[in-house]
């Protein structure tokens, strides 16, 4: 038997959660039900924040991969830290 639960949430929180649920192909209701089932099963709550790269960092990595494939902007490896320091000081 299904029952209705009313909760108060900030609009931004609800919208953000709904967007992520949609990206996962789930409804927000399904996410909440799964969370409540986990709470019952584990008798506790586990929070996790999956780190994601920003578009800025993704672009930097994309450019670095292009440079690496083209052997552009590549130096080293250095045999010693003195060699590395000498190179960096020359820039």
N, C-alpha and C. Protein backbone atom coordinates (compact mmCIF):
# COMPACT_ATOMS: atom_id res chain seq x y z
N UNK A 1 0.84 -1.17 0.00
CA UNK A 1 0.00 0.00 0.00
C UNK A 1 0.89 1.24 0.00
N UNK A 2 0.61 2.16 -0.89
CA UNK A 2 1.37 3.41 -0.99
C UNK A 2 0.78 4.44 -0.05
N UNK A 3 1.63 5.31 0.48
CA UNK A 3 1.17 6.41 1.31
C UNK A 3 1.87 7.68 0.86
N UNK A 4 1.28 8.79 1.10
CA UNK A 4 1.80 10.08 0.67
C UNK A 4 2.58 10.72 1.81
N UNK A 5 3.78 11.20 1.50
CA UNK A 5 4.61 11.91 2.47
C UNK A 5 4.80 13.32 1.96
N UNK A 6 4.50 14.30 2.78
CA UNK A 6 4.75 15.69 2.43
C UNK A 6 6.01 16.16 3.13
N UNK A 7 6.93 16.72 2.38
CA UNK A 7 8.15 17.27 2.97
C UNK A 7 8.35 18.69 2.46
N UNK A 8 9.09 19.46 3.23
CA UNK A 8 9.44 20.81 2.81
C UNK A 8 10.90 20.80 2.36
N UNK A 9 11.11 21.35 1.20
CA UNK A 9 12.47 21.44 0.65
C UNK A 9 12.60 22.76 -0.08
N UNK A 10 13.82 23.32 -0.07
CA UNK A 10 14.06 24.52 -0.85
C UNK A 10 13.85 24.20 -2.32
N UNK A 11 13.35 25.17 -3.08
CA UNK A 11 13.07 24.97 -4.50
C UNK A 11 14.33 24.53 -5.24
N UNK A 12 15.46 25.17 -4.93
CA UNK A 12 16.71 24.85 -5.61
C UNK A 12 17.12 23.40 -5.32
N UNK A 13 16.89 22.95 -4.08
CA UNK A 13 17.24 21.58 -3.70
C UNK A 13 16.38 20.60 -4.48
N UNK A 14 15.08 20.84 -4.50
CA UNK A 14 14.16 19.95 -5.21
C UNK A 14 14.49 19.91 -6.69
N UNK A 15 14.69 21.08 -7.29
CA UNK A 15 14.98 21.15 -8.73
C UNK A 15 16.29 20.44 -9.06
N UNK A 16 17.30 20.65 -8.22
CA UNK A 16 18.59 20.00 -8.45
C UNK A 16 18.50 18.49 -8.32
N UNK A 17 17.78 18.03 -7.30
CA UNK A 17 17.61 16.59 -7.09
C UNK A 17 16.80 15.98 -8.23
N UNK A 18 15.79 16.69 -8.67
CA UNK A 18 14.95 16.20 -9.76
C UNK A 18 15.76 16.07 -11.05
N UNK A 19 16.64 17.04 -11.29
CA UNK A 19 17.47 17.01 -12.49
C UNK A 19 18.40 15.80 -12.48
N UNK A 20 19.02 15.55 -11.33
CA UNK A 20 19.93 14.41 -11.22
C UNK A 20 19.16 13.10 -11.36
N UNK A 21 17.99 13.03 -10.74
CA UNK A 21 17.15 11.82 -10.86
C UNK A 21 16.82 11.56 -12.33
N UNK A 22 16.46 12.62 -13.07
CA UNK A 22 16.15 12.46 -14.49
C UNK A 22 17.36 11.98 -15.27
N UNK A 23 18.55 12.52 -14.93
CA UNK A 23 19.78 12.09 -15.60
C UNK A 23 20.03 10.60 -15.37
N UNK A 24 19.60 10.11 -14.21
CA UNK A 24 19.76 8.69 -13.88
C UNK A 24 18.62 7.84 -14.44
N UNK A 25 17.62 8.51 -15.04
CA UNK A 25 16.48 7.79 -15.60
C UNK A 25 15.48 7.36 -14.54
N UNK A 26 15.45 8.09 -13.43
CA UNK A 26 14.55 7.76 -12.32
C UNK A 26 13.70 8.96 -11.95
N UNK A 27 12.62 8.67 -11.25
CA UNK A 27 11.80 9.76 -10.72
C UNK A 27 12.36 10.16 -9.35
N UNK A 28 12.04 11.35 -8.92
CA UNK A 28 12.47 11.79 -7.60
C UNK A 28 11.82 10.92 -6.53
N UNK A 29 10.61 10.50 -6.78
CA UNK A 29 9.91 9.60 -5.86
C UNK A 29 10.67 8.28 -5.70
N UNK A 30 11.18 7.73 -6.80
CA UNK A 30 11.94 6.49 -6.74
C UNK A 30 13.22 6.67 -5.93
N UNK A 31 13.87 7.82 -6.11
CA UNK A 31 15.10 8.11 -5.36
C UNK A 31 14.79 8.19 -3.87
N UNK A 32 13.73 8.88 -3.51
CA UNK A 32 13.37 9.03 -2.09
C UNK A 32 12.99 7.67 -1.50
N UNK A 33 12.21 6.87 -2.23
CA UNK A 33 11.86 5.53 -1.75
C UNK A 33 13.11 4.68 -1.53
N UNK A 34 14.04 4.71 -2.47
CA UNK A 34 15.27 3.94 -2.33
C UNK A 34 16.07 4.41 -1.12
N UNK A 35 16.10 5.71 -0.89
CA UNK A 35 16.82 6.27 0.26
C UNK A 35 16.18 5.81 1.56
N UNK A 36 14.86 5.81 1.62
CA UNK A 36 14.16 5.37 2.83
C UNK A 36 14.39 3.87 3.07
N UNK A 37 14.41 3.08 2.00
CA UNK A 37 14.67 1.65 2.14
C UNK A 37 16.08 1.41 2.67
N UNK A 38 17.05 2.18 2.17
CA UNK A 38 18.43 2.06 2.65
C UNK A 38 18.52 2.45 4.12
N UNK A 39 17.79 3.48 4.51
CA UNK A 39 17.77 3.92 5.92
C UNK A 39 17.28 2.77 6.81
N UNK A 40 16.22 2.11 6.39
CA UNK A 40 15.66 0.99 7.15
C UNK A 40 16.66 -0.17 7.20
N UNK A 41 17.21 -0.52 6.04
CA UNK A 41 18.13 -1.65 5.94
C UNK A 41 19.39 -1.43 6.77
N UNK A 42 19.99 -0.25 6.65
CA UNK A 42 21.28 0.04 7.28
C UNK A 42 21.17 0.68 8.66
N UNK A 43 19.95 1.10 9.00
CA UNK A 43 19.73 1.82 10.27
C UNK A 43 20.68 3.01 10.40
N UNK A 44 20.91 3.65 9.27
CA UNK A 44 21.77 4.82 9.23
C UNK A 44 21.73 5.46 7.86
N UNK A 45 22.41 6.59 7.75
CA UNK A 45 22.43 7.35 6.51
C UNK A 45 23.88 7.56 6.10
N UNK A 46 24.16 7.37 4.83
CA UNK A 46 25.51 7.59 4.30
C UNK A 46 25.43 8.68 3.23
N UNK A 47 26.22 9.73 3.38
CA UNK A 47 26.25 10.80 2.39
C UNK A 47 27.54 10.68 1.59
N UNK A 48 27.44 10.93 0.31
CA UNK A 48 28.60 10.87 -0.56
C UNK A 48 28.49 11.96 -1.61
N UNK A 49 29.59 12.61 -1.86
CA UNK A 49 29.64 13.61 -2.92
C UNK A 49 30.62 13.11 -3.97
N UNK A 50 30.13 12.77 -5.12
CA UNK A 50 30.97 12.29 -6.21
C UNK A 50 31.59 13.52 -6.87
N UNK A 51 32.90 13.61 -6.83
CA UNK A 51 33.52 14.78 -7.46
C UNK A 51 33.36 14.74 -8.97
N UNK A 52 33.08 15.89 -9.52
CA UNK A 52 32.96 16.02 -10.97
C UNK A 52 33.86 17.16 -11.43
N UNK A 53 34.40 16.96 -12.62
CA UNK A 53 35.24 18.02 -13.17
C UNK A 53 34.36 19.15 -13.68
N UNK A 54 34.88 20.34 -13.55
CA UNK A 54 34.19 21.50 -14.09
C UNK A 54 34.44 21.55 -15.60
N UNK A 55 33.57 22.22 -16.34
CA UNK A 55 33.82 22.37 -17.78
C UNK A 55 35.18 23.00 -18.06
N UNK A 56 35.60 23.92 -17.20
CA UNK A 56 36.90 24.58 -17.36
C UNK A 56 38.04 23.54 -17.28
N UNK A 57 37.98 22.67 -16.26
CA UNK A 57 39.01 21.65 -16.09
C UNK A 57 38.95 20.63 -17.23
N UNK A 58 37.75 20.26 -17.65
CA UNK A 58 37.62 19.34 -18.79
C UNK A 58 38.29 19.91 -20.03
N UNK A 59 38.14 21.22 -20.25
CA UNK A 59 38.76 21.87 -21.41
C UNK A 59 40.29 21.85 -21.30
N UNK A 60 40.81 22.12 -20.11
CA UNK A 60 42.26 22.09 -19.91
C UNK A 60 42.81 20.70 -20.20
N UNK A 61 42.12 19.66 -19.72
CA UNK A 61 42.57 18.29 -19.95
C UNK A 61 42.48 17.94 -21.43
N UNK A 62 41.42 18.38 -22.10
CA UNK A 62 41.27 18.13 -23.53
C UNK A 62 42.45 18.75 -24.29
N UNK A 63 42.79 19.99 -23.95
CA UNK A 63 43.92 20.67 -24.61
C UNK A 63 45.23 19.96 -24.31
N UNK A 64 45.41 19.51 -23.08
CA UNK A 64 46.65 18.81 -22.72
C UNK A 64 46.78 17.50 -23.49
N UNK A 65 45.66 16.79 -23.68
CA UNK A 65 45.70 15.54 -24.46
C UNK A 65 46.08 15.82 -25.91
N UNK A 66 45.52 16.92 -26.48
CA UNK A 66 45.88 17.29 -27.85
C UNK A 66 47.36 17.59 -27.95
N UNK A 67 47.87 18.37 -26.99
CA UNK A 67 49.30 18.72 -26.98
C UNK A 67 50.15 17.47 -26.87
N UNK A 68 49.76 16.53 -26.02
CA UNK A 68 50.53 15.31 -25.83
C UNK A 68 50.58 14.49 -27.11
N UNK A 69 49.44 14.35 -27.77
CA UNK A 69 49.39 13.59 -29.03
C UNK A 69 50.25 14.25 -30.10
N UNK A 70 50.32 15.59 -30.09
CA UNK A 70 51.10 16.33 -31.09
C UNK A 70 52.53 16.56 -30.63
N UNK A 71 52.90 15.99 -29.49
CA UNK A 71 54.24 16.20 -28.90
C UNK A 71 54.55 17.68 -28.76
N UNK A 72 53.55 18.45 -28.37
CA UNK A 72 53.68 19.90 -28.21
C UNK A 72 53.64 20.23 -26.72
N UNK A 73 54.46 21.19 -26.32
CA UNK A 73 54.52 21.64 -24.92
C UNK A 73 54.89 20.50 -23.97
N UNK A 74 55.75 19.60 -24.43
CA UNK A 74 56.17 18.47 -23.62
C UNK A 74 57.66 18.62 -23.32
N UNK A 75 58.04 18.51 -22.05
CA UNK A 75 59.44 18.52 -21.64
C UNK A 75 59.67 17.38 -20.67
N UNK A 76 60.94 17.00 -20.52
CA UNK A 76 61.26 15.92 -19.59
C UNK A 76 61.15 14.59 -20.29
N UNK A 77 61.32 13.53 -19.57
CA UNK A 77 61.53 13.49 -18.12
C UNK A 77 62.93 13.97 -17.75
N UNK A 78 63.05 14.38 -16.52
CA UNK A 78 64.31 14.88 -16.01
C UNK A 78 64.95 13.79 -15.15
N UNK A 79 66.26 13.65 -15.25
CA UNK A 79 66.99 12.63 -14.49
C UNK A 79 67.12 13.04 -13.03
N UNK A 80 67.20 14.35 -12.80
CA UNK A 80 67.37 14.83 -11.42
C UNK A 80 66.48 16.06 -11.20
N UNK A 81 66.29 16.39 -9.95
CA UNK A 81 65.52 17.60 -9.63
C UNK A 81 66.31 18.84 -10.05
N UNK A 82 67.63 18.75 -10.03
CA UNK A 82 68.45 19.89 -10.46
C UNK A 82 68.20 20.20 -11.93
N UNK A 83 68.10 19.14 -12.76
CA UNK A 83 67.78 19.35 -14.18
C UNK A 83 66.43 20.05 -14.33
N UNK A 84 65.46 19.58 -13.56
CA UNK A 84 64.12 20.18 -13.63
C UNK A 84 64.17 21.64 -13.20
N UNK A 85 64.84 21.91 -12.07
CA UNK A 85 64.95 23.28 -11.59
C UNK A 85 65.63 24.19 -12.62
N UNK A 86 66.69 23.67 -13.25
CA UNK A 86 67.41 24.44 -14.25
C UNK A 86 66.47 24.80 -15.41
N UNK A 87 65.69 23.82 -15.87
CA UNK A 87 64.73 24.07 -16.95
C UNK A 87 63.69 25.10 -16.51
N UNK A 88 63.10 24.92 -15.34
CA UNK A 88 62.05 25.85 -14.88
C UNK A 88 62.60 27.26 -14.68
N UNK A 89 63.82 27.36 -14.20
CA UNK A 89 64.42 28.69 -14.00
C UNK A 89 64.71 29.38 -15.33
N UNK A 90 64.86 28.60 -16.40
CA UNK A 90 65.16 29.19 -17.70
C UNK A 90 63.91 29.77 -18.38
N UNK A 91 62.76 29.46 -17.85
CA UNK A 91 61.53 29.96 -18.49
C UNK A 91 61.29 31.42 -18.22
